[in-house]
Amino acid sequence: MLADSNIQLIWQTGKLYGIQAAKAVTEYKLNGIITVPFIKEMDMAYSAADIVVSRAGAIAISELCLTGKPSILVPSPNVAEDHQTKNALALSSRDAAILGKDSDAHASLISTITTLATDFTEQKKLSTNISSMAIRNSARQIAEHIFELASKGKK
């Protein structure tokens, strides 16, 4: 169980599950687990994290690549065309993240977290590989491309 593993957890629950999650943490006396409906300063949360467990939306993937955090990705089964699984596979197929299935989360996610938390070699590999996929200065690259296209249109 996670509570017995000496792992601290910041759990962003979402608005719909905030009260339920907070109650469960209190009810089960799960020390070291903080629940919040929403994290406004994700940069601070990423900075505090050794490992990130996340859905696999495009923004989350982008942030994780830039932070270089070892990650366990659990794609949401409730998204159009299963795009989160495709996003997660883009990383897991390059040993840049661990892919977990939502349907298996109850049975295996805690084990995956506790195993990764003590496997520093795996953490380093995931961190190195996910960092190599980051596109740095992307806003600048996009702006430069737009200006280039705009200047071609003026000729």
N, C-alpha and C. Protein backbone atom coordinates (compact mmCIF):
# COMPACT_ATOMS: atom_id res chain seq x y z
N MET A 1 0.84 -1.19 0.00
CA MET A 1 0.00 0.00 0.00
C MET A 1 0.88 1.24 0.00
N LEU A 2 0.42 2.26 -0.65
CA LEU A 2 1.16 3.50 -0.79
C LEU A 2 1.45 4.15 0.56
N ALA A 3 0.51 4.11 1.47
CA ALA A 3 0.68 4.73 2.78
C ALA A 3 1.84 4.11 3.56
N ASP A 4 2.15 2.87 3.29
CA ASP A 4 3.23 2.17 4.00
C ASP A 4 4.57 2.31 3.30
N SER A 5 4.63 2.99 2.18
CA SER A 5 5.85 3.01 1.37
C SER A 5 6.72 4.24 1.61
N ASN A 6 6.34 5.10 2.51
CA ASN A 6 7.11 6.31 2.83
C ASN A 6 7.23 7.23 1.62
N ILE A 7 6.19 7.26 0.80
CA ILE A 7 6.14 8.13 -0.37
C ILE A 7 5.18 9.27 -0.05
N GLN A 8 5.62 10.49 -0.34
CA GLN A 8 4.72 11.63 -0.21
C GLN A 8 4.04 11.84 -1.55
N LEU A 9 2.78 12.22 -1.50
CA LEU A 9 1.99 12.31 -2.72
C LEU A 9 1.20 13.61 -2.74
N ILE A 10 1.31 14.35 -3.84
CA ILE A 10 0.43 15.48 -4.10
C ILE A 10 -0.54 14.99 -5.16
N TRP A 11 -1.81 14.91 -4.80
CA TRP A 11 -2.83 14.29 -5.64
C TRP A 11 -3.80 15.35 -6.14
N GLN A 12 -3.70 15.69 -7.42
CA GLN A 12 -4.67 16.60 -8.02
C GLN A 12 -5.87 15.75 -8.44
N THR A 13 -6.98 15.96 -7.76
CA THR A 13 -8.13 15.08 -7.90
C THR A 13 -9.12 15.52 -8.97
N GLY A 14 -9.12 16.81 -9.30
CA GLY A 14 -10.19 17.36 -10.13
C GLY A 14 -11.33 17.79 -9.23
N LYS A 15 -12.11 18.74 -9.70
CA LYS A 15 -13.21 19.30 -8.90
C LYS A 15 -14.21 18.24 -8.46
N LEU A 16 -14.54 17.32 -9.35
CA LEU A 16 -15.59 16.34 -9.05
C LEU A 16 -15.22 15.37 -7.94
N TYR A 17 -13.92 15.15 -7.73
CA TYR A 17 -13.49 14.14 -6.77
C TYR A 17 -12.77 14.72 -5.56
N GLY A 18 -12.67 16.03 -5.47
CA GLY A 18 -11.91 16.67 -4.40
C GLY A 18 -12.36 16.28 -3.00
N ILE A 19 -13.63 16.39 -2.74
CA ILE A 19 -14.17 16.07 -1.40
C ILE A 19 -14.04 14.58 -1.12
N GLN A 20 -14.38 13.76 -2.08
CA GLN A 20 -14.30 12.31 -1.92
C GLN A 20 -12.86 11.86 -1.63
N ALA A 21 -11.91 12.40 -2.37
CA ALA A 21 -10.51 12.01 -2.18
C ALA A 21 -9.99 12.49 -0.82
N ALA A 22 -10.31 13.72 -0.45
CA ALA A 22 -9.87 14.25 0.84
C ALA A 22 -10.42 13.41 1.98
N LYS A 23 -11.67 12.99 1.84
CA LYS A 23 -12.32 12.16 2.86
C LYS A 23 -11.64 10.79 2.95
N ALA A 24 -11.31 10.21 1.80
CA ALA A 24 -10.66 8.89 1.78
C ALA A 24 -9.29 8.96 2.45
N VAL A 25 -8.54 10.01 2.18
CA VAL A 25 -7.21 10.16 2.78
C VAL A 25 -7.34 10.25 4.30
N THR A 26 -8.31 11.04 4.77
CA THR A 26 -8.52 11.19 6.21
C THR A 26 -9.03 9.89 6.83
N GLU A 27 -9.99 9.29 6.16
CA GLU A 27 -10.62 8.06 6.65
C GLU A 27 -9.61 6.93 6.82
N TYR A 28 -8.71 6.81 5.88
CA TYR A 28 -7.73 5.72 5.93
C TYR A 28 -6.43 6.14 6.61
N LYS A 29 -6.41 7.36 7.14
CA LYS A 29 -5.23 7.87 7.83
C LYS A 29 -3.98 7.73 6.97
N LEU A 30 -4.09 8.19 5.75
CA LEU A 30 -2.99 8.10 4.80
C LEU A 30 -2.08 9.31 4.97
N ASN A 31 -1.05 9.16 5.76
CA ASN A 31 -0.11 10.24 6.00
C ASN A 31 0.74 10.49 4.76
N GLY A 32 1.13 11.74 4.58
CA GLY A 32 2.00 12.08 3.45
C GLY A 32 1.26 12.25 2.15
N ILE A 33 -0.07 12.21 2.18
CA ILE A 33 -0.86 12.39 0.96
C ILE A 33 -1.67 13.67 1.09
N ILE A 34 -1.44 14.57 0.15
CA ILE A 34 -2.16 15.84 0.10
C ILE A 34 -3.07 15.80 -1.11
N THR A 35 -4.34 16.11 -0.90
CA THR A 35 -5.27 16.16 -2.03
C THR A 35 -5.64 17.61 -2.31
N VAL A 36 -5.69 17.94 -3.57
CA VAL A 36 -6.14 19.27 -4.00
C VAL A 36 -6.98 19.09 -5.26
N PRO A 37 -8.09 19.84 -5.36
CA PRO A 37 -8.90 19.72 -6.57
C PRO A 37 -8.17 20.17 -7.82
N PHE A 38 -7.34 21.22 -7.68
CA PHE A 38 -6.65 21.77 -8.83
C PHE A 38 -5.33 22.40 -8.38
N ILE A 39 -4.29 22.21 -9.17
CA ILE A 39 -3.00 22.82 -8.85
C ILE A 39 -2.81 24.01 -9.79
N LYS A 40 -2.76 25.20 -9.21
CA LYS A 40 -2.61 26.42 -10.01
C LYS A 40 -1.17 26.64 -10.45
N GLU A 41 -0.23 26.25 -9.64
CA GLU A 41 1.18 26.46 -9.94
C GLU A 41 1.85 25.12 -10.23
N MET A 42 1.60 24.60 -11.43
CA MET A 42 2.15 23.30 -11.80
C MET A 42 3.67 23.30 -11.78
N ASP A 43 4.28 24.43 -12.07
CA ASP A 43 5.74 24.48 -12.03
C ASP A 43 6.26 24.13 -10.65
N MET A 44 5.57 24.57 -9.62
CA MET A 44 5.97 24.25 -8.24
C MET A 44 5.75 22.75 -7.95
N ALA A 45 4.64 22.22 -8.42
CA ALA A 45 4.35 20.79 -8.20
C ALA A 45 5.39 19.93 -8.92
N TYR A 46 5.70 20.28 -10.17
CA TYR A 46 6.72 19.53 -10.90
C TYR A 46 8.07 19.63 -10.21
N SER A 47 8.37 20.80 -9.71
CA SER A 47 9.64 21.00 -9.03
C SER A 47 9.75 20.11 -7.78
N ALA A 48 8.65 19.94 -7.09
CA ALA A 48 8.64 19.14 -5.86
C ALA A 48 8.64 17.64 -6.14
N ALA A 49 8.28 17.25 -7.35
CA ALA A 49 8.08 15.83 -7.68
C ALA A 49 9.38 15.13 -8.08
N ASP A 50 9.51 13.90 -7.63
CA ASP A 50 10.56 13.01 -8.12
C ASP A 50 10.03 12.16 -9.27
N ILE A 51 8.74 11.84 -9.18
CA ILE A 51 8.04 11.03 -10.18
C ILE A 51 6.69 11.69 -10.42
N VAL A 52 6.20 11.63 -11.65
CA VAL A 52 4.88 12.18 -11.97
C VAL A 52 4.01 11.06 -12.51
N VAL A 53 2.79 10.98 -11.99
CA VAL A 53 1.76 10.09 -12.53
C VAL A 53 0.73 11.02 -13.15
N SER A 54 0.44 10.82 -14.43
CA SER A 54 -0.40 11.79 -15.13
C SER A 54 -1.24 11.12 -16.20
N ARG A 55 -2.30 11.82 -16.58
CA ARG A 55 -3.00 11.49 -17.81
C ARG A 55 -2.05 11.85 -18.94
N ALA A 56 -2.44 11.62 -20.17
CA ALA A 56 -1.50 11.81 -21.28
C ALA A 56 -2.02 12.78 -22.33
N GLY A 57 -2.58 13.88 -21.85
CA GLY A 57 -2.99 14.93 -22.77
C GLY A 57 -1.77 15.64 -23.35
N ALA A 58 -1.97 16.34 -24.44
CA ALA A 58 -0.86 16.98 -25.15
C ALA A 58 -0.11 17.98 -24.28
N ILE A 59 -0.82 18.79 -23.51
CA ILE A 59 -0.15 19.78 -22.67
C ILE A 59 0.66 19.09 -21.58
N ALA A 60 0.09 18.08 -20.94
CA ALA A 60 0.83 17.35 -19.91
C ALA A 60 2.09 16.72 -20.49
N ILE A 61 1.97 16.11 -21.66
CA ILE A 61 3.13 15.48 -22.31
C ILE A 61 4.22 16.53 -22.58
N SER A 62 3.81 17.67 -23.09
CA SER A 62 4.76 18.74 -23.38
C SER A 62 5.47 19.19 -22.10
N GLU A 63 4.70 19.40 -21.05
CA GLU A 63 5.28 19.83 -19.77
C GLU A 63 6.24 18.77 -19.22
N LEU A 64 5.85 17.52 -19.30
CA LEU A 64 6.69 16.45 -18.77
C LEU A 64 8.00 16.34 -19.54
N CYS A 65 7.94 16.51 -20.85
CA CYS A 65 9.18 16.48 -21.65
C CYS A 65 10.11 17.61 -21.22
N LEU A 66 9.56 18.78 -21.01
CA LEU A 66 10.38 19.93 -20.62
C LEU A 66 10.93 19.80 -19.20
N THR A 67 10.16 19.21 -18.30
CA THR A 67 10.65 19.06 -16.92
C THR A 67 11.59 17.89 -16.78
N GLY A 68 11.48 16.92 -17.68
CA GLY A 68 12.34 15.75 -17.62
C GLY A 68 12.04 14.83 -16.45
N LYS A 69 10.83 14.87 -15.96
CA LYS A 69 10.47 14.04 -14.80
C LYS A 69 10.14 12.62 -15.23
N PRO A 70 10.66 11.63 -14.50
CA PRO A 70 10.25 10.25 -14.77
C PRO A 70 8.73 10.16 -14.58
N SER A 71 8.06 9.56 -15.53
CA SER A 71 6.60 9.62 -15.53
C SER A 71 5.94 8.28 -15.79
N ILE A 72 4.79 8.14 -15.15
CA ILE A 72 3.89 7.02 -15.40
C ILE A 72 2.65 7.66 -16.02
N LEU A 73 2.34 7.27 -17.23
CA LEU A 73 1.21 7.85 -17.94
C LEU A 73 0.04 6.87 -17.97
N VAL A 74 -1.12 7.38 -17.55
CA VAL A 74 -2.34 6.58 -17.54
C VAL A 74 -3.36 7.31 -18.41
N PRO A 75 -3.42 6.97 -19.70
CA PRO A 75 -4.32 7.67 -20.61
C PRO A 75 -5.78 7.55 -20.17
N SER A 76 -6.50 8.64 -20.31
CA SER A 76 -7.93 8.61 -20.02
C SER A 76 -8.64 7.81 -21.10
N PRO A 77 -9.55 6.92 -20.70
CA PRO A 77 -10.31 6.16 -21.69
C PRO A 77 -11.49 6.97 -22.23
N ASN A 78 -11.68 8.19 -21.70
CA ASN A 78 -12.86 8.99 -22.03
C ASN A 78 -12.56 10.16 -22.95
N VAL A 79 -11.61 9.98 -23.86
CA VAL A 79 -11.26 11.08 -24.77
C VAL A 79 -11.47 10.64 -26.22
N ALA A 80 -11.61 11.63 -27.08
CA ALA A 80 -11.89 11.36 -28.49
C ALA A 80 -10.77 10.56 -29.14
N GLU A 81 -11.17 9.54 -29.87
CA GLU A 81 -10.27 8.72 -30.69
C GLU A 81 -9.07 8.17 -29.93
N ASP A 82 -9.20 8.04 -28.62
CA ASP A 82 -8.15 7.45 -27.78
C ASP A 82 -6.80 8.14 -27.99
N HIS A 83 -6.82 9.47 -28.20
CA HIS A 83 -5.58 10.19 -28.50
C HIS A 83 -4.57 10.16 -27.36
N GLN A 84 -5.04 10.04 -26.10
CA GLN A 84 -4.08 10.01 -25.00
C GLN A 84 -3.24 8.74 -25.01
N THR A 85 -3.81 7.64 -25.44
CA THR A 85 -3.02 6.41 -25.56
C THR A 85 -1.94 6.60 -26.62
N LYS A 86 -2.30 7.23 -27.72
CA LYS A 86 -1.31 7.49 -28.78
C LYS A 86 -0.19 8.40 -28.26
N ASN A 87 -0.57 9.42 -27.48
CA ASN A 87 0.44 10.30 -26.90
C ASN A 87 1.38 9.53 -25.97
N ALA A 88 0.79 8.70 -25.11
CA ALA A 88 1.59 7.93 -24.15
C ALA A 88 2.50 6.93 -24.86
N LEU A 89 1.98 6.32 -25.91
CA LEU A 89 2.80 5.36 -26.67
C LEU A 89 4.00 6.03 -27.34
N ALA A 90 3.82 7.28 -27.75
CA ALA A 90 4.94 8.02 -28.36
C ALA A 90 6.11 8.11 -27.38
N LEU A 91 5.82 8.18 -26.09
CA LEU A 91 6.88 8.25 -25.08
C LEU A 91 7.31 6.86 -24.63
N SER A 92 6.35 6.01 -24.30
CA SER A 92 6.70 4.69 -23.75
C SER A 92 7.46 3.83 -24.76
N SER A 93 7.18 4.01 -26.04
CA SER A 93 7.88 3.23 -27.06
C SER A 93 9.34 3.65 -27.19
N ARG A 94 9.68 4.79 -26.60
CA ARG A 94 11.07 5.28 -26.61
C ARG A 94 11.70 5.22 -25.21
N ASP A 95 11.10 4.43 -24.33
CA ASP A 95 11.56 4.32 -22.95
C ASP A 95 11.65 5.69 -22.28
N ALA A 96 10.69 6.56 -22.58
CA ALA A 96 10.67 7.89 -22.01
C ALA A 96 9.56 8.04 -20.95
N ALA A 97 8.74 7.02 -20.79
CA ALA A 97 7.68 7.01 -19.78
C ALA A 97 7.18 5.57 -19.64
N ILE A 98 6.51 5.33 -18.55
CA ILE A 98 5.87 4.03 -18.33
C ILE A 98 4.39 4.19 -18.65
N LEU A 99 3.85 3.31 -19.45
CA LEU A 99 2.45 3.35 -19.83
C LEU A 99 1.65 2.42 -18.93
N GLY A 100 0.62 2.98 -18.32
CA GLY A 100 -0.30 2.18 -17.52
C GLY A 100 -1.70 2.31 -18.10
N LYS A 101 -2.47 1.27 -17.99
CA LYS A 101 -3.85 1.32 -18.50
C LYS A 101 -4.78 1.75 -17.38
N ASP A 102 -5.75 2.58 -17.71
CA ASP A 102 -6.73 3.02 -16.74
C ASP A 102 -7.45 1.81 -16.13
N SER A 103 -7.77 0.84 -16.97
CA SER A 103 -8.50 -0.34 -16.50
C SER A 103 -7.67 -1.20 -15.54
N ASP A 104 -6.34 -1.07 -15.59
CA ASP A 104 -5.46 -1.83 -14.70
C ASP A 104 -4.98 -1.02 -13.50
N ALA A 105 -5.33 0.27 -13.45
CA ALA A 105 -4.79 1.17 -12.43
C ALA A 105 -5.07 0.67 -11.01
N HIS A 106 -6.28 0.21 -10.76
CA HIS A 106 -6.62 -0.24 -9.41
C HIS A 106 -5.74 -1.41 -8.98
N ALA A 107 -5.44 -2.29 -9.90
CA ALA A 107 -4.66 -3.49 -9.57
C ALA A 107 -3.15 -3.26 -9.57
N SER A 108 -2.65 -2.34 -10.41
CA SER A 108 -1.20 -2.29 -10.56
C SER A 108 -0.53 -0.93 -10.41
N LEU A 109 -1.27 0.15 -10.36
CA LEU A 109 -0.64 1.47 -10.35
C LEU A 109 0.22 1.69 -9.10
N ILE A 110 -0.26 1.32 -7.94
CA ILE A 110 0.51 1.52 -6.70
C ILE A 110 1.82 0.74 -6.76
N SER A 111 1.76 -0.47 -7.24
CA SER A 111 2.96 -1.29 -7.38
C SER A 111 3.95 -0.65 -8.35
N THR A 112 3.44 -0.13 -9.45
CA THR A 112 4.30 0.53 -10.44
C THR A 112 4.97 1.76 -9.83
N ILE A 113 4.20 2.54 -9.07
CA ILE A 113 4.75 3.73 -8.41
C ILE A 113 5.84 3.35 -7.42
N THR A 114 5.55 2.40 -6.54
CA THR A 114 6.52 2.05 -5.50
C THR A 114 7.77 1.41 -6.08
N THR A 115 7.62 0.66 -7.15
CA THR A 115 8.79 0.07 -7.81
C THR A 115 9.66 1.16 -8.43
N LEU A 116 9.04 2.08 -9.15
CA LEU A 116 9.80 3.16 -9.78
C LEU A 116 10.44 4.07 -8.75
N ALA A 117 9.77 4.28 -7.64
CA ALA A 117 10.30 5.18 -6.60
C ALA A 117 11.63 4.69 -6.03
N THR A 118 11.88 3.40 -6.10
CA THR A 118 13.13 2.86 -5.56
C THR A 118 14.12 2.45 -6.64
N ASP A 119 13.74 2.58 -7.91
CA ASP A 119 14.61 2.18 -9.01
C ASP A 119 15.21 3.43 -9.65
N PHE A 120 16.32 3.88 -9.08
CA PHE A 120 16.93 5.13 -9.53
C PHE A 120 17.55 5.02 -10.92
N THR A 121 17.94 3.84 -11.31
CA THR A 121 18.47 3.62 -12.66
C THR A 121 17.35 3.83 -13.68
N GLU A 122 16.19 3.26 -13.41
CA GLU A 122 15.03 3.43 -14.30
C GLU A 122 14.59 4.89 -14.33
N GLN A 123 14.58 5.53 -13.18
CA GLN A 123 14.21 6.95 -13.14
C GLN A 123 15.14 7.78 -14.02
N LYS A 124 16.43 7.53 -13.92
CA LYS A 124 17.41 8.28 -14.71
C LYS A 124 17.21 8.04 -16.21
N LYS A 125 16.96 6.77 -16.58
CA LYS A 125 16.73 6.44 -18.00
C LYS A 125 15.49 7.17 -18.51
N LEU A 126 14.40 7.10 -17.77
CA LEU A 126 13.16 7.76 -18.18
C LEU A 126 13.37 9.27 -18.28
N SER A 127 14.06 9.83 -17.31
CA SER A 127 14.32 11.27 -17.30
C SER A 127 15.15 11.71 -18.50
N THR A 128 16.21 10.98 -18.78
CA THR A 128 17.08 11.30 -19.92
C THR A 128 16.30 11.20 -21.22
N ASN A 129 15.54 10.13 -21.38
CA ASN A 129 14.82 9.90 -22.63
C ASN A 129 13.67 10.89 -22.85
N ILE A 130 12.94 11.20 -21.79
CA ILE A 130 11.83 12.15 -21.96
C ILE A 130 12.37 13.55 -22.21
N SER A 131 13.48 13.90 -21.58
CA SER A 131 14.10 15.21 -21.81
C SER A 131 14.55 15.37 -23.26
N SER A 132 15.01 14.29 -23.85
CA SER A 132 15.49 14.36 -25.23
C SER A 132 14.35 14.61 -26.22
N MET A 133 13.12 14.42 -25.79
CA MET A 133 11.97 14.63 -26.67
C MET A 133 11.40 16.04 -26.57
N ALA A 134 11.92 16.83 -25.64
CA ALA A 134 11.40 18.19 -25.44
C ALA A 134 11.73 19.08 -26.62
N ILE A 135 10.81 19.93 -26.96
CA ILE A 135 11.05 20.96 -27.96
C ILE A 135 11.16 22.27 -27.19
N ARG A 136 12.38 22.71 -27.03
CA ARG A 136 12.64 23.92 -26.25
C ARG A 136 12.43 25.16 -27.12
N ASN A 137 12.05 26.24 -26.46
CA ASN A 137 11.80 27.52 -27.15
C ASN A 137 10.75 27.38 -28.25
N SER A 138 9.76 26.56 -28.02
CA SER A 138 8.75 26.30 -29.06
C SER A 138 7.96 27.55 -29.43
N ALA A 139 7.66 28.40 -28.45
CA ALA A 139 6.91 29.62 -28.76
C ALA A 139 7.70 30.50 -29.72
N ARG A 140 9.00 30.61 -29.48
CA ARG A 140 9.86 31.40 -30.36
C ARG A 140 9.90 30.78 -31.77
N GLN A 141 10.03 29.45 -31.81
CA GLN A 141 10.08 28.77 -33.12
C GLN A 141 8.79 29.00 -33.91
N ILE A 142 7.66 28.94 -33.22
CA ILE A 142 6.37 29.16 -33.88
C ILE A 142 6.28 30.60 -34.38
N ALA A 143 6.65 31.55 -33.53
CA ALA A 143 6.60 32.96 -33.92
C ALA A 143 7.51 33.23 -35.13
N GLU A 144 8.71 32.68 -35.11
CA GLU A 144 9.63 32.87 -36.23
C GLU A 144 9.05 32.30 -37.53
N HIS A 145 8.41 31.15 -37.41
CA HIS A 145 7.80 30.53 -38.59
C HIS A 145 6.65 31.38 -39.12
N ILE A 146 5.86 31.92 -38.22
CA ILE A 146 4.74 32.79 -38.63
C ILE A 146 5.28 34.03 -39.34
N PHE A 147 6.31 34.66 -38.76
CA PHE A 147 6.90 35.84 -39.39
C PHE A 147 7.49 35.49 -40.76
N GLU A 148 8.10 34.33 -40.85
CA GLU A 148 8.67 33.90 -42.14
C GLU A 148 7.56 33.73 -43.17
N LEU A 149 6.46 33.08 -42.78
CA LEU A 149 5.34 32.91 -43.70
C LEU A 149 4.71 34.24 -44.07
N ALA A 150 4.59 35.12 -43.10
CA ALA A 150 3.98 36.43 -43.35
C ALA A 150 4.85 37.25 -44.30
N SER A 151 6.16 37.17 -44.13
CA SER A 151 7.04 37.96 -45.00
C SER A 151 7.03 37.41 -46.44
N LYS A 152 6.82 36.14 -46.61
CA LYS A 152 6.71 35.56 -47.95
C LYS A 152 5.42 36.02 -48.62
N GLY A 153 4.39 36.21 -47.83
CA GLY A 153 3.10 36.63 -48.37
C GLY A 153 3.10 38.08 -48.82
N LYS A 154 4.02 38.88 -48.30
CA LYS A 154 4.07 40.32 -48.65
C LYS A 154 4.78 40.56 -49.97
N LYS A 155 5.54 39.59 -50.44
CA LYS A 155 6.33 39.78 -51.68
C LYS A 155 5.48 39.74 -52.91
